[in-house]
Protein backbone atom coordinates (compact mmCIF):
# COMPACT_ATOMS: atom_id res chain seq x y z
CA UNK A 1 137.54 119.93 185.08
CA UNK A 2 137.93 116.24 185.43
CA UNK A 3 137.53 114.07 182.29
CA UNK A 4 134.20 112.54 183.39
CA UNK A 5 132.78 116.06 184.04
CA UNK A 6 133.80 117.06 180.51
CA UNK A 7 131.78 114.17 179.09
CA UNK A 8 128.66 115.59 180.73
CA UNK A 9 129.53 119.28 180.22
CA UNK A 10 129.87 119.19 176.42
CA UNK A 11 126.46 117.60 175.68
CA UNK A 12 124.76 119.93 178.18
CA UNK A 13 126.44 122.95 176.58
CA UNK A 14 125.33 121.83 173.11
CA UNK A 15 121.76 121.32 174.35
CA UNK A 16 121.73 124.83 175.80
CA UNK A 17 123.17 126.57 172.72
CA UNK A 18 121.40 124.58 169.98
CA UNK A 19 117.97 126.19 170.51
CA UNK A 20 119.53 129.62 170.05
CA UNK A 21 120.66 128.68 166.54
CA UNK A 22 117.24 127.28 165.70
CA UNK A 23 115.66 130.72 166.16
CA UNK A 24 118.42 132.64 164.37
CA UNK A 25 117.00 131.83 160.93
CA UNK A 26 113.35 131.96 161.92
CA UNK A 27 113.12 135.74 162.09
CA UNK A 28 112.39 137.33 158.75
CA UNK A 29 113.44 140.84 157.89
CA UNK A 30 110.72 142.99 156.37
CA UNK A 31 112.32 145.41 153.94
CA UNK A 32 111.77 147.04 150.58
CA UNK A 33 114.22 149.08 148.52
CA UNK A 34 113.26 151.98 146.27
CA UNK A 35 115.43 154.05 143.92
CA UNK A 36 114.22 157.48 142.84
CA UNK A 37 116.11 159.17 139.99
CA UNK A 38 115.51 162.11 137.72
CA UNK A 39 115.88 161.57 133.97
CA UNK A 40 116.87 164.82 132.24
CA UNK A 41 116.32 163.19 128.85
CA UNK A 42 112.71 162.24 129.69
CA UNK A 43 112.06 165.15 132.09
CA UNK A 44 110.62 162.61 134.49
CA UNK A 45 111.09 161.21 137.96
CA UNK A 46 111.71 157.50 137.55
CA UNK A 47 111.12 155.12 140.44
CA UNK A 48 112.03 151.47 140.86
CA UNK A 49 110.74 149.73 143.97
CA UNK A 50 111.50 146.18 145.08
CA UNK A 51 109.28 144.24 147.49
CA UNK A 52 109.22 140.57 148.47
CA UNK A 53 106.53 138.74 146.48
CA UNK A 54 105.22 136.70 149.40
CA UNK A 55 104.83 139.84 151.52
CA UNK A 56 102.95 141.62 148.73
CA UNK A 57 100.62 138.64 148.24
CA UNK A 58 100.06 138.57 152.03
CA UNK A 59 99.17 142.26 152.25
CA UNK A 60 96.74 142.02 149.32
CA UNK A 61 94.99 139.15 151.10
CA UNK A 62 94.93 141.00 154.42
CA UNK A 63 93.88 144.39 153.07
CA UNK A 64 91.46 143.44 150.30
CA UNK A 65 90.54 139.82 151.05
CA UNK A 66 91.97 138.92 147.65
CA UNK A 67 94.25 135.91 147.19
CA UNK A 68 96.81 137.23 144.72
CA UNK A 69 99.10 135.01 142.68
CA UNK A 70 101.89 137.48 141.98
CA UNK A 71 105.00 135.74 140.73
CA UNK A 72 103.23 132.49 139.81
CA UNK A 73 101.90 130.94 136.62
CA UNK A 74 98.38 131.73 137.87
CA UNK A 75 99.01 135.51 137.89
CA UNK A 76 96.39 137.50 135.97
CA UNK A 77 95.35 141.09 135.26
CA UNK A 78 93.30 141.28 138.46
CA UNK A 79 96.46 140.54 140.49
CA UNK A 80 98.19 143.47 138.77
CA UNK A 81 95.16 145.71 139.36
CA UNK A 82 95.28 144.99 143.10
CA UNK A 83 99.06 145.55 143.15
CA UNK A 84 98.63 148.96 141.52
CA UNK A 85 95.67 149.83 143.76
CA UNK A 86 97.70 149.01 146.86
CA UNK A 87 100.75 150.97 145.71
CA UNK A 88 98.63 154.04 144.95
CA UNK A 89 97.34 154.07 148.55
CA UNK A 90 100.65 153.31 150.27
CA UNK A 91 103.33 154.83 148.02
CA UNK A 92 102.93 158.57 147.43
CA UNK A 93 105.09 161.06 145.57
CA UNK A 94 105.29 164.82 146.09
CA UNK A 95 106.96 167.31 143.80
CA UNK A 96 107.59 170.76 145.27
CA UNK A 97 105.34 169.91 148.24
CA UNK A 98 102.36 168.90 146.07
CA UNK A 99 101.05 165.35 145.65
CA UNK A 100 101.47 164.09 142.10
CA UNK A 101 100.12 161.07 140.26
CA UNK A 102 102.63 158.60 138.90
CA UNK A 103 102.28 156.20 136.01
CA UNK A 104 102.62 152.49 136.76
CA UNK A 105 104.92 151.48 133.89
CA UNK A 106 105.02 147.78 134.72
CA UNK A 107 106.48 145.09 136.92
CA UNK A 108 108.70 142.04 136.69
CA UNK A 109 110.15 139.43 138.99
CA UNK A 110 113.68 138.72 140.10
CA UNK A 111 114.03 135.70 142.34
CA UNK A 112 111.66 136.36 145.27
CA UNK A 113 111.14 140.08 144.57
CA UNK A 114 108.53 141.97 142.59
CA UNK A 115 110.11 144.99 140.91
CA UNK A 116 107.72 147.83 140.07
CA UNK A 117 108.50 150.64 137.65
CA UNK A 118 106.82 153.99 138.28
CA UNK A 119 107.23 157.38 136.60
CA UNK A 120 106.16 160.97 137.20
CA UNK A 121 106.26 162.53 133.71
CA UNK A 122 106.52 166.19 132.68
CA UNK A 123 108.70 167.48 135.51
CA UNK A 124 111.03 170.18 134.11
CA UNK A 125 114.35 170.19 135.94
CA UNK A 126 114.32 174.00 136.18
CA UNK A 127 111.16 173.89 138.33
CA UNK A 128 112.14 170.89 140.48
CA UNK A 129 112.98 172.05 144.02
CA UNK A 130 111.91 169.13 146.18
CA UNK A 131 110.88 165.47 145.99
CA UNK A 132 109.00 163.79 148.81
CA UNK A 133 108.30 160.08 149.11
CA UNK A 134 105.80 158.58 151.53
CA UNK A 135 106.35 154.83 151.63
CA UNK A 136 103.96 152.90 153.86
CA UNK A 137 104.16 149.70 151.81
CA UNK A 138 103.62 146.67 154.07
CA UNK A 139 103.61 148.73 157.28
CA UNK A 140 99.93 147.90 157.68
CA UNK A 141 100.74 144.23 158.33
CA UNK A 142 104.37 144.32 159.55
CA UNK A 143 105.18 146.73 162.37
CA UNK A 144 108.92 146.24 161.83
CA UNK A 145 108.77 146.88 158.05
CA UNK A 146 111.59 149.11 156.79
CA UNK A 147 111.34 150.84 153.42
CA UNK A 148 114.71 152.05 152.24
CA UNK A 149 114.51 154.91 149.72
CA UNK A 150 117.52 156.19 147.75
CA UNK A 151 117.03 159.49 145.91
CA UNK A 152 119.35 161.00 143.34
CA UNK A 153 118.66 164.23 141.45
CA UNK A 154 121.11 166.74 139.94
CA UNK A 155 124.04 165.03 141.66
CA UNK A 156 122.40 165.30 145.07
CA UNK A 157 121.86 162.02 146.89
CA UNK A 158 119.89 161.19 149.98
CA UNK A 159 118.83 157.90 151.53
CA UNK A 160 116.09 157.29 154.07
CA UNK A 161 114.97 154.32 156.11
CA UNK A 162 111.23 154.84 156.35
CA UNK A 163 109.24 153.05 159.05
CA UNK A 164 105.64 153.00 160.25
CA UNK A 165 106.14 155.91 162.65
CA UNK A 166 108.20 157.93 160.12
CA UNK A 167 107.01 157.07 156.59
CA UNK A 168 108.16 160.18 154.69
CA UNK A 169 111.51 161.19 153.23
CA UNK A 170 112.48 164.36 151.35
CA UNK A 171 115.20 165.52 148.99
CA UNK A 172 115.61 169.29 148.75
CA UNK A 173 117.44 170.61 145.71
């Protein structure tokens, strides 16, 4: 190319490529991460799930018409009640192919994540043959939501990427 063509070519190339970079950061990933472990000491299935705070506040508004203030100074007991209510409808645990109720132990915040602690008590290891997790958290408002679940029991590990069309993962012992 001749030098005067290069003077025109470079700015045109920049103008064509620049918009591509503008959209690279605009897309948000919708993901949660859950760890499921068995505590022999407590004879319990212990679950830690991490979800983005802004997504959880958004789903509580969309699903219940409630403007939650999770992760802010305005947070109150009603916010927690809606969080627990939502989790109980969208996050289910099975032990040996039967639905079980878990205890909501509590929650805390780390940066932009809400971390929830759940537990299924009184599960003797000798009778534990299978754990199933159905995780539909946030799939009701984000079609591309991915819920990653890591399970570890008796040295057996299994990970699942659960999505709207396939929300259930199992670990057979």
